[in-house]
């Protein structure tokens, strides 16, 4: 019997321009699926993410929002919510 639990995982690299990899890692860690991994790189400033291919679009969209240059000095907090419509 073959174990296919991780057959839909992908590894992506996300280059960060406006926040540090450590800040981004702390913000998205709670959004990873069980078994998902995120590693920070300091030179270059990037994250390596290994997670479900179904979950990666959500992770990428969160990273694009928090790595926005216009909000560089704004406080950041990403909160996982349950039973909230995505449009809220």
N, C-alpha and C. Protein backbone atom coordinates (compact mmCIF):
# COMPACT_ATOMS: atom_id res chain seq x y z
N UNK A 1 0.85 -1.18 0.00
CA UNK A 1 0.00 0.00 0.00
C UNK A 1 0.89 1.24 0.00
N UNK A 2 0.60 2.17 -0.86
CA UNK A 2 1.39 3.38 -1.00
C UNK A 2 0.80 4.50 -0.15
N UNK A 3 1.67 5.28 0.49
CA UNK A 3 1.24 6.43 1.30
C UNK A 3 1.20 7.66 0.41
N UNK A 4 -0.01 8.14 0.08
CA UNK A 4 -0.18 9.29 -0.82
C UNK A 4 -0.55 10.57 -0.09
N UNK A 5 -0.37 10.63 1.23
CA UNK A 5 -0.79 11.80 1.99
C UNK A 5 -0.06 13.06 1.56
N UNK A 6 1.18 12.96 1.13
CA UNK A 6 1.97 14.13 0.80
C UNK A 6 2.20 14.28 -0.70
N UNK A 7 1.43 13.58 -1.51
CA UNK A 7 1.66 13.61 -2.95
C UNK A 7 1.24 14.95 -3.59
N UNK A 8 0.45 15.76 -2.91
CA UNK A 8 0.03 17.03 -3.49
C UNK A 8 0.75 18.21 -2.85
N UNK A 9 1.90 17.98 -2.25
CA UNK A 9 2.68 19.06 -1.65
C UNK A 9 3.56 19.73 -2.69
N UNK A 10 3.82 21.02 -2.45
CA UNK A 10 4.72 21.78 -3.33
C UNK A 10 5.68 22.57 -2.47
N UNK A 11 6.81 22.91 -3.06
CA UNK A 11 7.78 23.79 -2.41
C UNK A 11 7.86 25.06 -3.24
N UNK A 12 7.69 26.20 -2.58
CA UNK A 12 7.80 27.49 -3.27
C UNK A 12 8.74 28.40 -2.49
N UNK A 13 9.36 29.30 -3.21
CA UNK A 13 10.22 30.32 -2.61
C UNK A 13 9.52 31.66 -2.81
N UNK A 14 9.42 32.45 -1.75
CA UNK A 14 8.75 33.74 -1.84
C UNK A 14 9.75 34.80 -1.41
N UNK A 15 10.17 35.64 -2.35
CA UNK A 15 11.12 36.71 -2.06
C UNK A 15 10.38 37.88 -1.42
N UNK A 16 10.92 38.39 -0.32
CA UNK A 16 10.30 39.48 0.42
C UNK A 16 11.08 40.77 0.21
N UNK A 17 10.37 41.87 0.05
CA UNK A 17 11.02 43.15 -0.22
C UNK A 17 10.85 44.16 0.91
N UNK A 18 9.78 44.06 1.67
CA UNK A 18 9.44 45.12 2.61
C UNK A 18 9.38 44.70 4.07
N UNK A 19 9.35 43.42 4.34
CA UNK A 19 9.39 42.94 5.71
C UNK A 19 10.44 41.84 5.80
N UNK A 20 10.88 41.54 7.00
CA UNK A 20 11.88 40.51 7.16
C UNK A 20 11.23 39.13 7.08
N UNK A 21 12.03 38.15 6.73
CA UNK A 21 11.54 36.79 6.65
C UNK A 21 11.02 36.32 8.01
N UNK A 22 11.65 36.73 9.07
CA UNK A 22 11.21 36.34 10.41
C UNK A 22 9.81 36.87 10.71
N UNK A 23 9.55 38.15 10.35
CA UNK A 23 8.21 38.72 10.55
C UNK A 23 7.16 37.95 9.76
N UNK A 24 7.47 37.68 8.50
CA UNK A 24 6.53 36.97 7.64
C UNK A 24 6.28 35.55 8.15
N UNK A 25 7.35 34.87 8.56
CA UNK A 25 7.22 33.51 9.07
C UNK A 25 6.28 33.47 10.26
N UNK A 26 6.45 34.41 11.18
CA UNK A 26 5.59 34.44 12.36
C UNK A 26 4.13 34.72 12.01
N UNK A 27 3.90 35.48 10.95
CA UNK A 27 2.54 35.82 10.56
C UNK A 27 1.82 34.67 9.86
N UNK A 28 2.52 33.87 9.08
CA UNK A 28 1.82 32.85 8.28
C UNK A 28 1.88 31.44 8.87
N UNK A 29 2.69 31.23 9.87
CA UNK A 29 2.85 29.87 10.41
C UNK A 29 1.52 29.21 10.76
N UNK A 30 0.59 29.96 11.34
CA UNK A 30 -0.69 29.37 11.76
C UNK A 30 -1.60 29.03 10.58
N UNK A 31 -1.27 29.49 9.38
CA UNK A 31 -2.10 29.21 8.21
C UNK A 31 -1.64 27.97 7.44
N UNK A 32 -0.55 27.37 7.84
CA UNK A 32 -0.06 26.16 7.17
C UNK A 32 -0.92 24.97 7.54
N UNK A 33 -1.01 24.01 6.63
CA UNK A 33 -1.72 22.78 6.94
C UNK A 33 -0.87 21.92 7.85
N UNK A 34 -1.47 20.89 8.43
CA UNK A 34 -0.72 19.96 9.27
C UNK A 34 0.41 19.35 8.44
N UNK A 35 1.61 19.45 8.91
CA UNK A 35 2.77 18.95 8.17
C UNK A 35 3.41 19.98 7.27
N UNK A 36 2.80 21.15 7.12
CA UNK A 36 3.39 22.22 6.32
C UNK A 36 4.61 22.81 7.02
N UNK A 37 5.59 23.23 6.23
CA UNK A 37 6.84 23.73 6.78
C UNK A 37 7.16 25.07 6.12
N UNK A 38 7.67 26.00 6.93
CA UNK A 38 8.16 27.27 6.39
C UNK A 38 9.53 27.53 7.00
N UNK A 39 10.48 27.89 6.16
CA UNK A 39 11.84 28.21 6.59
C UNK A 39 12.20 29.60 6.13
N UNK A 40 12.92 30.33 6.96
CA UNK A 40 13.32 31.68 6.59
C UNK A 40 14.73 31.70 6.03
N UNK A 41 14.93 32.59 5.09
CA UNK A 41 16.26 32.86 4.55
C UNK A 41 16.56 34.33 4.76
N UNK A 42 17.73 34.62 5.25
CA UNK A 42 18.05 36.02 5.52
C UNK A 42 18.82 36.67 4.38
N UNK A 43 19.57 35.91 3.63
CA UNK A 43 20.31 36.43 2.49
C UNK A 43 20.16 35.47 1.33
N UNK A 44 19.25 35.67 0.46
CA UNK A 44 18.33 36.78 0.33
C UNK A 44 17.17 36.65 1.31
N UNK A 45 16.46 37.75 1.48
CA UNK A 45 15.32 37.82 2.38
C UNK A 45 14.15 37.09 1.73
N UNK A 46 13.92 35.83 2.16
CA UNK A 46 12.90 35.02 1.50
C UNK A 46 12.38 33.95 2.44
N UNK A 47 11.27 33.33 2.04
CA UNK A 47 10.72 32.18 2.73
C UNK A 47 10.69 31.01 1.77
N UNK A 48 10.97 29.83 2.30
CA UNK A 48 10.76 28.59 1.57
C UNK A 48 9.60 27.89 2.24
N UNK A 49 8.56 27.62 1.49
CA UNK A 49 7.34 27.06 2.04
C UNK A 49 7.07 25.72 1.36
N UNK A 50 6.84 24.72 2.18
CA UNK A 50 6.42 23.40 1.69
C UNK A 50 5.06 23.13 2.33
N UNK A 51 4.03 23.07 1.49
CA UNK A 51 2.69 22.88 2.00
C UNK A 51 1.82 22.27 0.91
N UNK A 52 0.58 22.03 1.24
CA UNK A 52 -0.38 21.48 0.29
C UNK A 52 -0.55 22.43 -0.89
N UNK A 53 -0.61 21.88 -2.08
CA UNK A 53 -0.79 22.74 -3.26
C UNK A 53 -2.13 23.46 -3.22
N UNK A 54 -3.10 22.92 -2.50
CA UNK A 54 -4.39 23.60 -2.36
C UNK A 54 -4.30 24.81 -1.43
N UNK A 55 -3.37 24.80 -0.49
CA UNK A 55 -3.25 25.87 0.50
C UNK A 55 -2.28 26.98 0.06
N UNK A 56 -1.40 26.70 -0.88
CA UNK A 56 -0.38 27.68 -1.26
C UNK A 56 -0.94 28.98 -1.85
N UNK A 57 -2.01 28.97 -2.63
CA UNK A 57 -2.55 30.26 -3.10
C UNK A 57 -2.95 31.18 -1.94
N UNK A 58 -3.53 30.63 -0.89
CA UNK A 58 -3.91 31.44 0.26
C UNK A 58 -2.67 31.99 0.95
N UNK A 59 -1.64 31.18 1.12
CA UNK A 59 -0.40 31.62 1.76
C UNK A 59 0.24 32.74 0.93
N UNK A 60 0.29 32.56 -0.38
CA UNK A 60 0.87 33.59 -1.25
C UNK A 60 0.10 34.90 -1.17
N UNK A 61 -1.23 34.83 -1.12
CA UNK A 61 -2.00 36.08 -1.06
C UNK A 61 -1.79 36.79 0.27
N UNK A 62 -1.64 36.05 1.36
CA UNK A 62 -1.34 36.67 2.66
C UNK A 62 0.02 37.34 2.61
N UNK A 63 1.01 36.67 2.05
CA UNK A 63 2.35 37.24 1.96
C UNK A 63 2.37 38.50 1.09
N UNK A 64 1.61 38.51 0.00
CA UNK A 64 1.56 39.69 -0.85
C UNK A 64 0.96 40.89 -0.10
N UNK A 65 -0.01 40.63 0.75
CA UNK A 65 -0.63 41.71 1.51
C UNK A 65 0.33 42.25 2.57
N UNK A 66 0.97 41.37 3.32
CA UNK A 66 1.82 41.85 4.42
C UNK A 66 3.17 42.37 3.93
N UNK A 67 3.55 42.06 2.68
CA UNK A 67 4.81 42.56 2.13
C UNK A 67 4.57 43.79 1.25
N UNK A 68 3.48 44.50 1.48
CA UNK A 68 3.10 45.67 0.72
C UNK A 68 3.97 46.87 1.12
N UNK A 69 4.63 47.56 0.16
CA UNK A 69 5.51 48.67 0.51
C UNK A 69 4.80 49.89 1.08
N UNK A 70 3.55 50.11 0.72
CA UNK A 70 2.82 51.26 1.22
C UNK A 70 2.47 51.17 2.69
N UNK A 71 2.59 49.99 3.23
CA UNK A 71 2.22 49.78 4.63
C UNK A 71 3.43 49.35 5.45
N UNK A 72 4.59 49.76 5.04
CA UNK A 72 5.83 49.33 5.67
C UNK A 72 5.86 49.61 7.18
N UNK A 73 5.40 50.75 7.61
CA UNK A 73 5.47 51.11 9.02
C UNK A 73 4.18 50.85 9.79
N UNK A 74 3.21 50.25 9.14
CA UNK A 74 1.96 49.92 9.83
C UNK A 74 2.17 48.70 10.71
N UNK A 75 1.51 48.62 11.85
CA UNK A 75 1.58 47.39 12.64
C UNK A 75 0.90 46.26 11.87
N UNK A 76 1.43 45.06 12.00
CA UNK A 76 0.88 43.92 11.28
C UNK A 76 0.45 42.84 12.26
N UNK A 77 -0.70 42.30 12.01
CA UNK A 77 -1.16 41.13 12.75
C UNK A 77 -2.10 40.36 11.83
N UNK A 78 -1.81 39.11 11.63
CA UNK A 78 -2.66 38.25 10.84
C UNK A 78 -3.29 37.27 11.82
N UNK A 79 -4.60 37.25 11.86
CA UNK A 79 -5.31 36.42 12.82
C UNK A 79 -6.11 35.35 12.09
N UNK A 80 -5.87 34.09 12.40
CA UNK A 80 -6.71 33.05 11.80
C UNK A 80 -8.12 33.13 12.39
N UNK A 81 -9.12 33.07 11.55
CA UNK A 81 -10.51 33.17 12.00
C UNK A 81 -11.27 31.91 11.61
N UNK A 82 -12.26 31.59 12.41
CA UNK A 82 -13.11 30.43 12.14
C UNK A 82 -14.53 30.93 11.95
N UNK A 83 -15.23 30.37 10.98
CA UNK A 83 -16.62 30.71 10.70
C UNK A 83 -16.81 32.17 10.30
N UNK A 84 -15.88 32.71 9.54
CA UNK A 84 -15.98 34.06 9.02
C UNK A 84 -15.92 33.99 7.51
N UNK A 85 -16.82 34.70 6.86
CA UNK A 85 -16.84 34.70 5.40
C UNK A 85 -15.53 35.31 4.87
N UNK A 86 -14.92 34.76 3.82
CA UNK A 86 -13.65 35.28 3.30
C UNK A 86 -13.74 36.73 2.84
N UNK A 87 -14.91 37.21 2.51
CA UNK A 87 -15.04 38.59 2.04
C UNK A 87 -15.06 39.62 3.17
N UNK A 88 -15.11 39.17 4.41
CA UNK A 88 -15.19 40.09 5.55
C UNK A 88 -13.83 40.60 5.94
